Structures are given as C-alpha cells and as structure tokens.
C-alpha atoms as a PDB file:
ATOM      1  CA  MET A   1     -23.138  57.812 -38.397  1.00  0.00           C
ATOM      2  CA  LYS A   2     -21.448  56.397 -35.371  1.00  0.00           C
ATOM      3  CA  ASN A   3     -21.591  52.625 -34.740  1.00  0.00           C
ATOM      4  CA  ASN A   4     -22.690  51.984 -31.122  1.00  0.00           C
ATOM      5  CA  HIS A   5     -22.552  48.198 -31.165  1.00  0.00           C
ATOM      6  CA  LYS A   6     -20.633  46.953 -28.153  1.00  0.00           C
ATOM      7  CA  GLY A   7     -19.162  43.456 -28.039  1.00  0.00           C
ATOM      8  CA  PHE A   8     -16.245  41.316 -29.099  1.00  0.00           C
ATOM      9  CA  THR A   9     -15.173  40.675 -32.602  1.00  0.00           C
ATOM     10  CA  LEU A  10     -14.682  37.178 -33.873  1.00  0.00           C
ATOM     11  CA  ILE A  11     -10.917  37.651 -33.909  1.00  0.00           C
ATOM     12  CA  GLU A  12     -10.855  38.764 -30.278  1.00  0.00           C
ATOM     13  CA  LEU A  13     -12.856  35.683 -29.248  1.00  0.00           C
ATOM     14  CA  ALA A  14     -10.542  33.424 -31.252  1.00  0.00           C
ATOM     15  CA  VAL A  15      -7.463  34.919 -29.563  1.00  0.00           C
ATOM     16  CA  VAL A  16      -8.932  34.451 -26.068  1.00  0.00           C
ATOM     17  CA  LEU A  17      -9.897  30.843 -26.827  1.00  0.00           C
ATOM     18  CA  ALA A  18      -6.406  30.160 -28.222  1.00  0.00           C
ATOM     19  CA  ILE A  19      -4.799  31.537 -25.044  1.00  0.00           C
ATOM     20  CA  ILE A  20      -7.055  29.374 -22.860  1.00  0.00           C
ATOM     21  CA  ALA A  21      -6.228  26.286 -24.958  1.00  0.00           C
ATOM     22  CA  VAL A  22      -2.469  26.929 -24.661  1.00  0.00           C
ATOM     23  CA  LEU A  23      -2.735  27.384 -20.888  1.00  0.00           C
ATOM     24  CA  ALA A  24      -4.763  24.176 -20.533  1.00  0.00           C
ATOM     25  CA  ALA A  25      -2.224  22.251 -22.627  1.00  0.00           C
ATOM     26  CA  VAL A  26       0.653  23.528 -20.487  1.00  0.00           C
ATOM     27  CA  LEU A  27      -1.009  23.087 -17.079  1.00  0.00           C
ATOM     28  CA  THR A  28      -2.692  19.681 -17.543  1.00  0.00           C
ATOM     29  CA  PRO A  29       0.535  17.595 -17.408  1.00  0.00           C
ATOM     30  CA  LEU A  30       1.724  19.628 -14.444  1.00  0.00           C
ATOM     31  CA  VAL A  31      -1.481  19.009 -12.472  1.00  0.00           C
ATOM     32  CA  THR A  32      -1.592  15.297 -13.330  1.00  0.00           C
ATOM     33  CA  SER A  33       2.036  14.875 -12.222  1.00  0.00           C
ATOM     34  CA  TYR A  34       1.098  16.352  -8.830  1.00  0.00           C
ATOM     35  CA  ILE A  35      -1.792  13.889  -8.561  1.00  0.00           C
ATOM     36  CA  ASP A  36       0.492  10.951  -9.431  1.00  0.00           C
ATOM     37  CA  GLU A  37       3.080  12.142  -6.913  1.00  0.00           C
ATOM     38  CA  ALA A  38       0.411  12.443  -4.206  1.00  0.00           C
ATOM     39  CA  ARG A  39      -0.777   8.874  -4.874  1.00  0.00           C
ATOM     40  CA  ASN A  40       2.775   7.527  -4.667  1.00  0.00           C
ATOM     41  CA  THR A  41       3.330   9.413  -1.417  1.00  0.00           C
ATOM     42  CA  ARG A  42       0.083   8.072   0.062  1.00  0.00           C
ATOM     43  CA  ALA A  43       0.983   4.503  -0.943  1.00  0.00           C
ATOM     44  CA  ALA A  44       4.409   4.812   0.676  1.00  0.00           C
ATOM     45  CA  SER A  45       2.859   6.273   3.835  1.00  0.00           C
ATOM     46  CA  ASP A  46       0.248   3.492   4.049  1.00  0.00           C
ATOM     47  CA  MET A  47       2.951   0.865   3.533  1.00  0.00           C
ATOM     48  CA  ARG A  48       5.068   2.433   6.284  1.00  0.00           C
ATOM     49  CA  ALA A  49       2.034   2.244   8.625  1.00  0.00           C
ATOM     50  CA  ILE A  50       1.487  -1.440   7.762  1.00  0.00           C
ATOM     51  CA  ALA A  51       5.174  -2.201   8.394  1.00  0.00           C
ATOM     52  CA  GLN A  52       5.042  -0.333  11.715  1.00  0.00           C
ATOM     53  CA  ALA A  53       1.959  -2.310  12.779  1.00  0.00           C
ATOM     54  CA  TYR A  54       3.817  -5.561  12.012  1.00  0.00           C
ATOM     55  CA  ARG A  55       6.802  -4.361  14.049  1.00  0.00           C
ATOM     56  CA  LEU A  56       4.560  -3.437  17.003  1.00  0.00           C
ATOM     57  CA  HIS A  57       2.873  -6.837  16.864  1.00  0.00           C
ATOM     58  CA  PHE A  58       6.297  -8.497  16.871  1.00  0.00           C
ATOM     59  CA  ARG A  59       7.483  -6.309  19.767  1.00  0.00           C
ATOM     60  CA  ASP A  60       4.485  -7.278  21.895  1.00  0.00           C
ATOM     61  CA  THR A  61       4.135 -10.963  20.994  1.00  0.00           C
ATOM     62  CA  SER A  62       7.634 -11.931  19.799  1.00  0.00           C
ATOM     63  CA  LYS A  63       5.866 -13.270  16.669  1.00  0.00           C
ATOM     64  CA  TYR A  64       4.804 -11.740  13.405  1.00  0.00           C
ATOM     65  CA  PRO A  65       1.048 -12.063  12.858  1.00  0.00           C
ATOM     66  CA  VAL A  66       1.276 -14.920  10.377  1.00  0.00           C
ATOM     67  CA  PHE A  67       1.599 -17.922  12.673  1.00  0.00           C
ATOM     68  CA  THR A  68      -1.086 -20.443  13.577  1.00  0.00           C
ATOM     69  CA  ASP A  69       0.380 -21.201  17.011  1.00  0.00           C
ATOM     70  CA  ASN A  70       3.009 -19.929  19.424  1.00  0.00           C
ATOM     71  CA  SER A  71       5.858 -21.532  17.480  1.00  0.00           C
ATOM     72  CA  THR A  72       7.872 -19.551  14.977  1.00  0.00           C
ATOM     73  CA  THR A  73       7.645 -22.214  12.309  1.00  0.00           C
ATOM     74  CA  THR A  74       3.996 -22.626  11.293  1.00  0.00           C
ATOM     75  CA  ILE A  75       3.327 -19.782   8.854  1.00  0.00           C
ATOM     76  CA  ILE A  76      -0.270 -19.666   7.666  1.00  0.00           C
ATOM     77  CA  ALA A  77       0.172 -17.657   4.487  1.00  0.00           C
ATOM     78  CA  GLU A  78       2.812 -16.878   1.919  1.00  0.00           C
ATOM     79  CA  VAL A  79       1.072 -13.608   1.044  1.00  0.00           C
ATOM     80  CA  ILE A  80      -1.186 -11.538   3.267  1.00  0.00           C
ATOM     81  CA  LYS A  81      -3.279  -8.892   1.522  1.00  0.00           C
ATOM     82  CA  SER A  82      -5.433  -5.887   2.296  1.00  0.00           C
ATOM     83  CA  ALA A  83      -8.806  -4.946   0.908  1.00  0.00           C
ATOM     84  CA  GLY A  84      -8.943  -4.028  -2.764  1.00  0.00           C
ATOM     85  CA  THR A  85      -8.681  -5.697  -6.120  1.00  0.00           C
ATOM     86  CA  ASP A  86      -6.027  -8.397  -6.384  1.00  0.00           C
ATOM     87  CA  PRO A  87      -3.219  -7.065  -8.562  1.00  0.00           C
ATOM     88  CA  THR A  88      -2.245  -9.020 -11.650  1.00  0.00           C
ATOM     89  CA  ASP A  89       0.798 -11.245 -11.166  1.00  0.00           C
ATOM     90  CA  GLY A  90       3.074 -10.097 -13.976  1.00  0.00           C
ATOM     91  CA  VAL A  91       5.926 -12.425 -13.008  1.00  0.00           C
ATOM     92  CA  GLY A  92       3.873 -15.554 -12.269  1.00  0.00           C
ATOM     93  CA  LEU A  93       5.361 -16.180  -8.834  1.00  0.00           C
ATOM     94  CA  TRP A  94       2.950 -14.639  -6.326  1.00  0.00           C
ATOM     95  CA  SER A  95       0.255 -16.654  -4.494  1.00  0.00           C
ATOM     96  CA  ILE A  96      -2.170 -13.739  -4.368  1.00  0.00           C
ATOM     97  CA  GLY A  97      -5.438 -15.663  -4.535  1.00  0.00           C
ATOM     98  CA  THR A  98      -4.633 -17.607  -1.378  1.00  0.00           C
ATOM     99  CA  GLY A  99      -3.579 -14.551   0.616  1.00  0.00           C
ATOM    100  CA  ALA A 100      -4.990 -14.063   4.092  1.00  0.00           C
ATOM    101  CA  ASP A 101      -6.430 -10.736   5.270  1.00  0.00           C
ATOM    102  CA  ILE A 102      -4.055  -8.173   6.843  1.00  0.00           C
ATOM    103  CA  ASP A 103      -6.833  -6.749   9.039  1.00  0.00           C
ATOM    104  CA  THR A 104      -7.526 -10.170  10.544  1.00  0.00           C
ATOM    105  CA  TYR A 105      -3.926 -10.884  11.458  1.00  0.00           C
ATOM    106  CA  LEU A 106      -3.078  -7.412  12.767  1.00  0.00           C
ATOM    107  CA  ASN A 107      -6.286  -6.764  14.662  1.00  0.00           C
ATOM    108  CA  THR A 108      -7.278 -10.073  16.257  1.00  0.00           C
ATOM    109  CA  ASN A 109      -5.461 -12.194  18.796  1.00  0.00           C
ATOM    110  CA  GLN A 110      -4.613 -15.131  16.515  1.00  0.00           C
ATOM    111  CA  LEU A 111      -2.146 -16.638  18.998  1.00  0.00           C
ATOM    112  CA  GLY A 112      -4.503 -16.614  21.995  1.00  0.00           C
ATOM    113  CA  LEU A 113      -2.113 -14.520  24.080  1.00  0.00           C
ATOM    114  CA  ASP A 114      -2.896 -12.589  27.266  1.00  0.00           C
ATOM    115  CA  THR A 115      -5.054  -9.499  26.706  1.00  0.00           C
ATOM    116  CA  SER A 116      -5.763  -8.655  30.371  1.00  0.00           C
ATOM    117  CA  GLY A 117      -3.718  -5.472  30.411  1.00  0.00           C
ATOM    118  CA  ASN A 118      -1.191  -6.765  32.971  1.00  0.00           C
ATOM    119  CA  PHE A 119       1.842  -6.377  30.703  1.00  0.00           C
ATOM    120  CA  ARG A 120       4.575  -5.677  33.230  1.00  0.00           C
ATOM    121  CA  GLY A 121       7.914  -7.408  33.185  1.00  0.00           C
ATOM    122  CA  GLY A 122       8.190  -7.675  29.396  1.00  0.00           C
ATOM    123  CA  ARG A 123       5.590 -10.456  29.147  1.00  0.00           C
ATOM    124  CA  THR A 124       4.456 -11.308  25.673  1.00  0.00           C
ATOM    125  CA  ALA A 125       0.856 -10.294  25.192  1.00  0.00           C
ATOM    126  CA  TYR A 126      -1.530  -9.138  22.525  1.00  0.00           C
ATOM    127  CA  ARG A 127      -1.926  -5.347  22.798  1.00  0.00           C
ATOM    128  CA  GLY A 128      -3.781  -4.798  19.517  1.00  0.00           C
ATOM    129  CA  PRO A 129      -5.473  -3.820  17.388  1.00  0.00           C
ATOM    130  CA  TYR A 130      -2.334  -2.545  15.719  1.00  0.00           C
ATOM    131  CA  LEU A 131      -3.822  -0.826  12.685  1.00  0.00           C
ATOM    132  CA  GLU A 132      -7.446   0.250  12.565  1.00  0.00           C
ATOM    133  CA  SER A 133      -8.130  -0.787   9.005  1.00  0.00           C
ATOM    134  CA  VAL A 134      -5.972  -1.460   5.992  1.00  0.00           C
ATOM    135  CA  GLY A 135      -7.668  -0.295   2.845  1.00  0.00           C
ATOM    136  CA  SER A 136      -6.544  -0.572  -0.731  1.00  0.00           C
ATOM    137  CA  ASP A 137      -3.683   1.324  -2.294  1.00  0.00           C
ATOM    138  CA  PRO A 138      -4.451   4.651  -4.050  1.00  0.00           C
ATOM    139  CA  TRP A 139      -5.194   2.797  -7.302  1.00  0.00           C
ATOM    140  CA  GLY A 140      -7.730   0.415  -5.711  1.00  0.00           C
ATOM    141  CA  ASN A 141      -5.424  -2.612  -5.552  1.00  0.00           C
ATOM    142  CA  ALA A 142      -4.649  -4.694  -2.475  1.00  0.00           C
ATOM    143  CA  PHE A 143      -1.436  -4.135  -0.572  1.00  0.00           C
ATOM    144  CA  LEU A 144       0.496  -7.410  -0.290  1.00  0.00           C
ATOM    145  CA  VAL A 145       2.717  -8.509   2.579  1.00  0.00           C
ATOM    146  CA  THR A 146       5.150 -11.321   1.821  1.00  0.00           C
ATOM    147  CA  ALA A 147       5.463 -13.491   4.873  1.00  0.00           C
ATOM    148  CA  THR A 148       7.494 -16.551   3.902  1.00  0.00           C
ATOM    149  CA  SER A 149      10.693 -15.588   5.710  1.00  0.00           C
ATOM    150  CA  PHE A 150       9.226 -14.037   8.867  1.00  0.00           C
ATOM    151  CA  GLY A 151       9.886 -17.279  10.734  1.00  0.00           C
ATOM    152  CA  ASP A 152      13.543 -17.472   9.743  1.00  0.00           C
ATOM    153  CA  ALA A 153      14.977 -14.066   8.997  1.00  0.00           C
ATOM    154  CA  ASN A 154      12.303 -11.804  10.543  1.00  0.00           C
ATOM    155  CA  VAL A 155      12.119  -9.938   7.254  1.00  0.00           C
ATOM    156  CA  GLY A 156       9.080  -9.297   5.144  1.00  0.00           C
ATOM    157  CA  PHE A 157       7.967  -6.825   2.510  1.00  0.00           C
ATOM    158  CA  VAL A 158       4.888  -4.718   1.837  1.00  0.00           C
ATOM    159  CA  LEU A 159       4.193  -4.261  -1.861  1.00  0.00           C
ATOM    160  CA  SER A 160       1.875  -2.087  -3.939  1.00  0.00           C
ATOM    161  CA  ALA A 161       1.525  -2.966  -7.607  1.00  0.00           C
ATOM    162  CA  GLY A 162       1.376   0.737  -8.439  1.00  0.00           C
ATOM    163  CA  PRO A 163      -0.727   2.504 -11.059  1.00  0.00           C
ATOM    164  CA  ASN A 164      -0.743  -0.300 -13.623  1.00  0.00           C
ATOM    165  CA  GLY A 165      -2.068  -2.867 -11.098  1.00  0.00           C
ATOM    166  CA  THR A 166       0.460  -5.481 -12.229  1.00  0.00           C
ATOM    167  CA  ILE A 167       3.176  -6.909  -9.987  1.00  0.00           C
ATOM    168  CA  ASP A 168       6.472  -6.619 -11.834  1.00  0.00           C
ATOM    169  CA  THR A 169       8.684  -7.394  -8.816  1.00  0.00           C
ATOM    170  CA  THR A 170      10.266 -10.835  -8.746  1.00  0.00           C
ATOM    171  CA  TYR A 171       9.445 -12.727  -5.573  1.00  0.00           C
ATOM    172  CA  ALA A 172      12.947 -13.201  -4.177  1.00  0.00           C
ATOM    173  CA  GLN A 173      12.209 -13.043  -0.471  1.00  0.00           C
ATOM    174  CA  THR A 174      15.718 -12.302   0.744  1.00  0.00           C
ATOM    175  CA  ASP A 175      16.053  -9.031  -1.141  1.00  0.00           C
ATOM    176  CA  PRO A 176      13.431  -8.187  -3.770  1.00  0.00           C
ATOM    177  CA  THR A 177      13.903  -5.075  -5.822  1.00  0.00           C
ATOM    178  CA  ALA A 178      10.873  -3.090  -6.940  1.00  0.00           C
ATOM    179  CA  SER A 179      10.452  -3.151 -10.704  1.00  0.00           C
ATOM    180  CA  GLU A 180       8.541  -0.924 -13.119  1.00  0.00           C
ATOM    181  CA  ASP A 181       6.010   1.092 -11.096  1.00  0.00           C
ATOM    182  CA  ASP A 182       5.805  -1.227  -8.070  1.00  0.00           C
ATOM    183  CA  ILE A 183       6.392   0.274  -4.628  1.00  0.00           C
ATOM    184  CA  LEU A 184       8.154  -1.909  -2.047  1.00  0.00           C
ATOM    185  CA  PHE A 185       8.739  -1.380   1.680  1.00  0.00           C
ATOM    186  CA  ARG A 186      10.871  -3.673   3.841  1.00  0.00           C
ATOM    187  CA  ILE A 187       9.618  -4.908   7.237  1.00  0.00           C
ATOM    188  CA  GLU A 188      12.278  -5.997   9.712  1.00  0.00           C
END
C-alpha cells in the first residue's frame, strides 16, 4: 500500500527552525548597530542645527542668546537645555537643574531688539525665531548648551549624554573632550 500522507517530518521542521534561529542570531546585532548609528547621526545633526541657530542669533544681534541685557557680561545661565529628561551628571560638575530653556532663548527676543524688519545697514536686530523647536536627543534626554564662556571667548558647546543618559564629559569650558558615549559639538 502506498502512503499518501503529505506534510513535513519532524526532522524537516527542526532543520527549518534551526536555520531561522541562526539567521536571527546573525542579523540581530547587525540591525541594532544600524539603529544605534542612526541615533548617533540624528543627535549630531540636531546638535549642528542648535549650533547654527546660536551662530545666526549672534550674527543678527552681536550677542549669544544667554544675556539678560545688551551687555556682553551678564550671562543668565551656565547651562541651557532642551526638552527631555535631564541627563545624570556623572562627573558632578554640571548645573543641569538650573538650566534655562533653549527654545526660550533662541525663539524670543530676550534683548528687546528691533523686530520691525528694517534691517539695512548691518543694524543689530532680532530676526528670529532661529530654530522652530528643540526636542530631546534620540534617547529622550535633554541637549545641553554650555554658555559660561560666550561672553568672553564666544565659544560654547552643545552636548548629548548619549545612550546611557549620563554625562561623562568633564566641564572644562575652554576645550572639553567628549568621554564615553557623550556627543559634543562646538559652537563658535
């Protein structure tokens, strides 16, 4: 008698499942590395946009958006931050909790400058908003802008604490170096 049962044997099913498991084990790290790379690229791009907005504000007003008046000496904040969860201060030197809001200082006329639209002759004027909205970094943490030396050296830094959400970069305003998984972008 001929056996007319059609189907897979247990061994055939086991082989197919083993092949699928091997492929999943090989491809999972590859896919997750692409996701991590995309997040790092987005963070760097967002930080570049923040730095450009600061430069544009400086070009138009001759001041970085951290001053309380038209002088270049009265800085209102040591750290300015975006929306998102405050990163953990792994080095114990950052004043994150007191940070002012990036959106406020890039997108409102804090110095009370001319906004009439008559900007001929190189007059200083507020031409903002300079950046529509600054959200959090790809990991949900706030971007930080260090502002302590804007008044003196016209240099600042945008920082993302990276995937671990902990700032590992030492706050040396003249030339900080990004540590661990932090991402740092210089504004000048």
